[in-house]
Amino acid sequence: MRTDSMRTDAIHRLEAWALMVGPAMALVFFLVEPGGILVDPVDTMDSAGRITALASNPLLAHVSALFVPLGLLLLLYGISGVSRVTTGPDFAAAGTRFGLLSATVGGVGWILATGIDHLLAGTRISSAEAIEAAIPLYRTGLGLTLISGIAVSLGLMVLSLSLAAREPSGLHRTAALVIALVSAVSVAALIIGYTAPSETMVAVGRACYFPWVIWFIMLGTKFLKAGRPA
């Protein structure tokens, strides 16, 4: 017969694994998204080029647009576990709840923007008119990506500062403070990158994903070893 403690421990383990697996999965499939970083890379502001890349690799486009959202959902589930167990009337508890809310809003926006890739992957690249007609849809996705990226970055900045406030001096506190700085850089880079526009700043914003993923894996590993995510 399973006790309440056993059920709670199982939930904590699921949240810890989600915190490790989710962001890694999202990053891997983001990297192989056609027109992105590794497969047929094209500048973000090159609407026709990005559409052509997606439509030229429809299978990979559909697969990446399925698994990136799945990874994001797992990540949000993991963060919700952190927020759930960070209780009390202090800044850490309030900050983690705000961080979860902001990251969730941004994550949903990213998922919607990724969903647009399914439609763009069906564009007839043999028709200049079809590509031209798809450009407004692609630019809508860019707008969602910008706002969502800012929301996620802001949420992770507050979340990391909140967790750092409860951590004793050491590796995890230092890592949380570094992530707060990285997230602040991401906010600035995304705003400049998409509004200037500047492909270099967009690349800087994307580079912030890598330390985020490392941090989430560190958090998940810590929670898993502790037997609970806090």
Protein backbone atom coordinates (compact mmCIF):
# COMPACT_ATOMS: atom_id res chain seq x y z
CA MET A 1 0.00 0.00 0.00
CA ARG A 2 1.45 3.36 -1.08
CA THR A 3 1.65 6.03 1.61
CA ASP A 4 1.21 9.79 1.08
CA SER A 5 4.98 10.17 1.53
CA MET A 6 5.70 7.65 -1.21
CA ARG A 7 3.31 9.40 -3.58
CA THR A 8 4.91 12.75 -2.78
CA ASP A 9 8.39 11.36 -3.42
CA ALA A 10 7.21 10.00 -6.78
CA ILE A 11 5.86 13.44 -7.74
CA HIS A 12 9.16 15.04 -6.76
CA ARG A 13 11.10 12.57 -8.88
CA LEU A 14 8.87 13.23 -11.88
CA GLU A 15 9.33 16.99 -11.47
CA ALA A 16 13.09 16.59 -11.14
CA TRP A 17 13.33 14.44 -14.28
CA ALA A 18 11.08 16.86 -16.17
CA LEU A 19 13.38 19.70 -15.15
CA MET A 20 16.34 17.83 -16.63
CA VAL A 21 14.84 16.18 -19.70
CA GLY A 22 12.45 18.92 -20.85
CA PRO A 23 14.89 21.77 -21.56
CA ALA A 24 17.46 19.39 -23.07
CA MET A 25 14.82 17.97 -25.44
CA ALA A 26 13.61 21.42 -26.44
CA LEU A 27 17.17 22.58 -27.11
CA VAL A 28 18.13 19.55 -29.22
CA PHE A 29 15.12 19.88 -31.51
CA PHE A 30 15.48 23.66 -31.63
CA LEU A 31 19.03 23.17 -32.90
CA VAL A 32 17.88 20.92 -35.76
CA GLU A 33 14.95 23.10 -36.78
CA PRO A 34 15.32 23.85 -40.52
CA GLY A 35 16.49 27.38 -41.15
CA GLY A 36 17.80 27.68 -37.60
CA ILE A 37 21.25 26.96 -36.26
CA LEU A 38 22.41 23.62 -37.71
CA VAL A 39 20.15 22.71 -40.64
CA ASP A 40 20.12 25.12 -43.60
CA PRO A 41 20.85 28.13 -41.35
CA VAL A 42 19.29 31.39 -42.49
CA ASP A 43 19.20 34.85 -40.90
CA THR A 44 16.17 35.32 -38.67
CA MET A 45 14.99 38.37 -40.61
CA ASP A 46 15.23 36.56 -43.97
CA SER A 47 11.56 35.62 -44.09
CA ALA A 48 11.63 33.98 -47.52
CA GLY A 49 14.80 32.06 -46.66
CA ARG A 50 13.39 30.68 -43.41
CA ILE A 51 10.13 29.67 -45.07
CA THR A 52 12.03 27.95 -47.88
CA ALA A 53 14.20 26.06 -45.38
CA LEU A 54 11.15 24.81 -43.49
CA ALA A 55 9.27 23.82 -46.63
CA SER A 56 12.34 22.10 -48.07
CA ASN A 57 12.66 19.90 -44.97
CA PRO A 58 9.01 19.28 -44.02
CA LEU A 59 9.55 16.09 -42.04
CA LEU A 60 12.26 17.59 -39.84
CA ALA A 61 10.24 20.80 -39.52
CA HIS A 62 7.19 18.88 -38.27
CA VAL A 63 9.24 16.69 -35.91
CA SER A 64 11.07 19.63 -34.35
CA ALA A 65 7.81 21.59 -34.06
CA LEU A 66 6.33 18.65 -32.13
CA PHE A 67 9.18 17.90 -29.74
CA VAL A 68 10.16 21.49 -28.88
CA PRO A 69 6.70 22.14 -27.35
CA LEU A 70 6.83 18.79 -25.54
CA GLY A 71 10.18 19.74 -24.04
CA LEU A 72 8.82 23.13 -23.00
CA LEU A 73 5.81 21.52 -21.32
CA LEU A 74 8.09 19.21 -19.34
CA LEU A 75 10.23 22.19 -18.35
CA LEU A 76 7.23 24.14 -17.11
CA TYR A 77 6.08 21.10 -15.14
CA GLY A 78 9.50 20.95 -13.49
CA ILE A 79 9.48 24.66 -12.66
CA SER A 80 6.00 24.31 -11.19
CA GLY A 81 7.46 21.74 -8.81
CA VAL A 82 10.10 24.23 -7.68
CA SER A 83 7.41 26.86 -7.11
CA ARG A 84 5.15 24.37 -5.32
CA VAL A 85 7.66 23.50 -2.65
CA THR A 86 9.21 26.95 -2.24
CA THR A 87 6.79 28.17 0.38
CA GLY A 88 6.70 30.97 2.93
CA PRO A 89 6.10 34.73 3.11
CA ASP A 90 9.56 35.69 1.86
CA PHE A 91 10.92 36.96 -1.45
CA ALA A 92 12.00 33.49 -2.55
CA ALA A 93 8.46 32.09 -2.42
CA ALA A 94 6.90 35.12 -4.10
CA GLY A 95 9.65 35.27 -6.71
CA THR A 96 9.36 31.65 -7.72
CA ARG A 97 5.62 32.05 -8.25
CA PHE A 98 6.19 35.10 -10.44
CA GLY A 99 8.98 33.28 -12.27
CA LEU A 100 6.67 30.34 -12.98
CA LEU A 101 3.89 32.65 -14.23
CA SER A 102 6.19 34.64 -16.51
CA ALA A 103 7.93 31.51 -17.84
CA THR A 104 4.55 29.86 -18.46
CA VAL A 105 3.25 32.85 -20.44
CA GLY A 106 6.46 32.89 -22.48
CA GLY A 107 6.47 29.13 -22.90
CA VAL A 108 2.92 29.15 -24.26
CA GLY A 109 3.92 31.90 -26.69
CA TRP A 110 6.91 29.85 -27.84
CA ILE A 111 4.66 26.85 -28.35
CA LEU A 112 2.26 28.92 -30.47
CA ALA A 113 5.16 30.32 -32.51
CA THR A 114 6.50 26.81 -33.05
CA GLY A 115 3.03 25.68 -34.16
CA ILE A 116 3.24 28.17 -37.01
CA ASP A 117 6.16 26.14 -38.39
CA HIS A 118 3.72 23.32 -39.18
CA LEU A 119 1.85 25.65 -41.51
CA LEU A 120 4.99 27.14 -43.05
CA ALA A 121 6.37 23.65 -43.73
CA GLY A 122 3.50 23.14 -46.16
CA THR A 123 4.36 26.17 -48.29
CA ARG A 124 4.86 25.46 -52.00
CA ILE A 125 8.38 26.72 -52.55
CA SER A 126 7.98 26.37 -56.31
CA SER A 127 5.54 29.27 -56.16
CA ALA A 128 6.86 32.76 -55.44
CA GLU A 129 3.29 33.83 -54.68
CA ALA A 130 2.93 31.10 -52.03
CA ILE A 131 6.14 32.16 -50.33
CA GLU A 132 5.07 35.81 -50.42
CA ALA A 133 1.70 34.89 -48.92
CA ALA A 134 3.42 32.98 -46.08
CA ILE A 135 5.66 35.88 -45.06
CA PRO A 136 3.05 37.66 -42.86
CA LEU A 137 2.49 34.36 -41.00
CA TYR A 138 6.23 33.97 -40.45
CA ARG A 139 6.50 37.55 -39.16
CA THR A 140 3.63 36.89 -36.77
CA GLY A 141 5.70 34.02 -35.40
CA LEU A 142 8.66 36.39 -35.00
CA GLY A 143 6.52 38.74 -32.93
CA LEU A 144 5.39 35.90 -30.71
CA THR A 145 8.97 34.69 -30.36
CA LEU A 146 10.17 38.14 -29.27
CA ILE A 147 7.51 38.73 -26.61
CA SER A 148 7.69 35.13 -25.40
CA GLY A 149 11.48 35.20 -25.18
CA ILE A 150 11.35 38.35 -23.06
CA ALA A 151 8.72 36.80 -20.77
CA VAL A 152 10.74 33.60 -20.32
CA SER A 153 13.97 35.52 -19.73
CA LEU A 154 12.33 37.80 -17.17
CA GLY A 155 10.75 34.82 -15.42
CA LEU A 156 14.04 32.93 -15.21
CA MET A 157 15.85 36.02 -13.95
CA VAL A 158 13.38 36.40 -11.05
CA LEU A 159 13.30 32.63 -10.43
CA SER A 160 17.07 32.35 -10.23
CA LEU A 161 17.37 35.38 -7.93
CA SER A 162 14.67 33.91 -5.71
CA LEU A 163 16.42 30.57 -5.42
CA ALA A 164 19.77 32.28 -4.86
CA ALA A 165 18.25 34.12 -1.88
CA ARG A 166 17.70 30.78 -0.10
CA GLU A 167 20.90 29.07 -1.15
CA PRO A 168 23.97 29.13 1.11
CA SER A 169 27.22 30.28 -0.43
CA GLY A 170 28.47 27.69 -2.86
CA LEU A 171 28.08 26.26 -6.36
CA HIS A 172 24.28 26.41 -6.60
CA ARG A 173 24.02 29.98 -5.33
CA THR A 174 26.75 31.12 -7.73
CA ALA A 175 25.06 29.28 -10.61
CA ALA A 176 21.71 30.92 -9.82
CA LEU A 177 23.29 34.38 -9.79
CA VAL A 178 25.04 33.68 -13.09
CA ILE A 179 21.71 32.62 -14.61
CA ALA A 180 20.12 35.85 -13.37
CA LEU A 181 22.80 37.78 -15.25
CA VAL A 182 22.44 35.59 -18.34
CA SER A 183 18.67 36.13 -18.32
CA ALA A 184 19.10 39.90 -18.09
CA VAL A 185 21.46 39.76 -21.08
CA SER A 186 18.84 37.69 -22.93
CA VAL A 187 16.15 40.33 -22.37
CA ALA A 188 18.37 43.09 -23.77
CA ALA A 189 19.69 40.98 -26.65
CA LEU A 190 16.21 39.91 -27.79
CA ILE A 191 14.83 43.44 -27.73
CA ILE A 192 17.78 44.81 -29.70
CA GLY A 193 18.05 41.79 -31.97
CA TYR A 194 14.45 41.80 -33.16
CA THR A 195 13.77 45.55 -33.19
CA ALA A 196 17.06 46.96 -34.52
CA PRO A 197 17.27 44.38 -36.18
CA SER A 198 20.61 42.70 -35.44
CA GLU A 199 21.35 39.07 -36.24
CA THR A 200 24.34 39.20 -33.87
CA MET A 201 22.13 40.16 -30.93
CA VAL A 202 19.63 37.46 -31.88
CA ALA A 203 22.52 34.98 -31.73
CA VAL A 204 23.50 36.31 -28.29
CA GLY A 205 19.92 35.79 -27.10
CA ARG A 206 19.90 32.25 -28.45
CA ALA A 207 23.25 31.50 -26.79
CA CYS A 208 21.58 32.12 -23.43
CA TYR A 209 19.60 28.88 -23.91
CA PHE A 210 22.73 26.82 -23.31
CA PRO A 211 23.53 28.03 -19.75
CA TRP A 212 19.80 27.83 -18.97
CA VAL A 213 19.72 24.16 -19.92
CA ILE A 214 22.85 23.43 -17.88
CA TRP A 215 21.31 25.17 -14.86
CA PHE A 216 18.05 23.26 -15.17
CA ILE A 217 19.95 19.98 -15.30
CA MET A 218 21.89 21.05 -12.19
CA LEU A 219 18.64 21.89 -10.40
CA GLY A 220 16.99 18.65 -11.44
CA THR A 221 19.98 16.62 -10.32
CA LYS A 222 20.05 18.41 -6.97
CA PHE A 223 16.33 17.83 -6.43
CA LEU A 224 16.60 14.19 -7.44
CA LYS A 225 19.45 13.55 -5.00
CA ALA A 226 17.60 15.38 -2.24
CA GLY A 227 14.49 13.29 -2.81
CA ARG A 228 12.36 16.41 -3.25
CA PRO A 229 12.64 19.49 -5.50
CA ALA A 230 13.60 22.00 -2.85
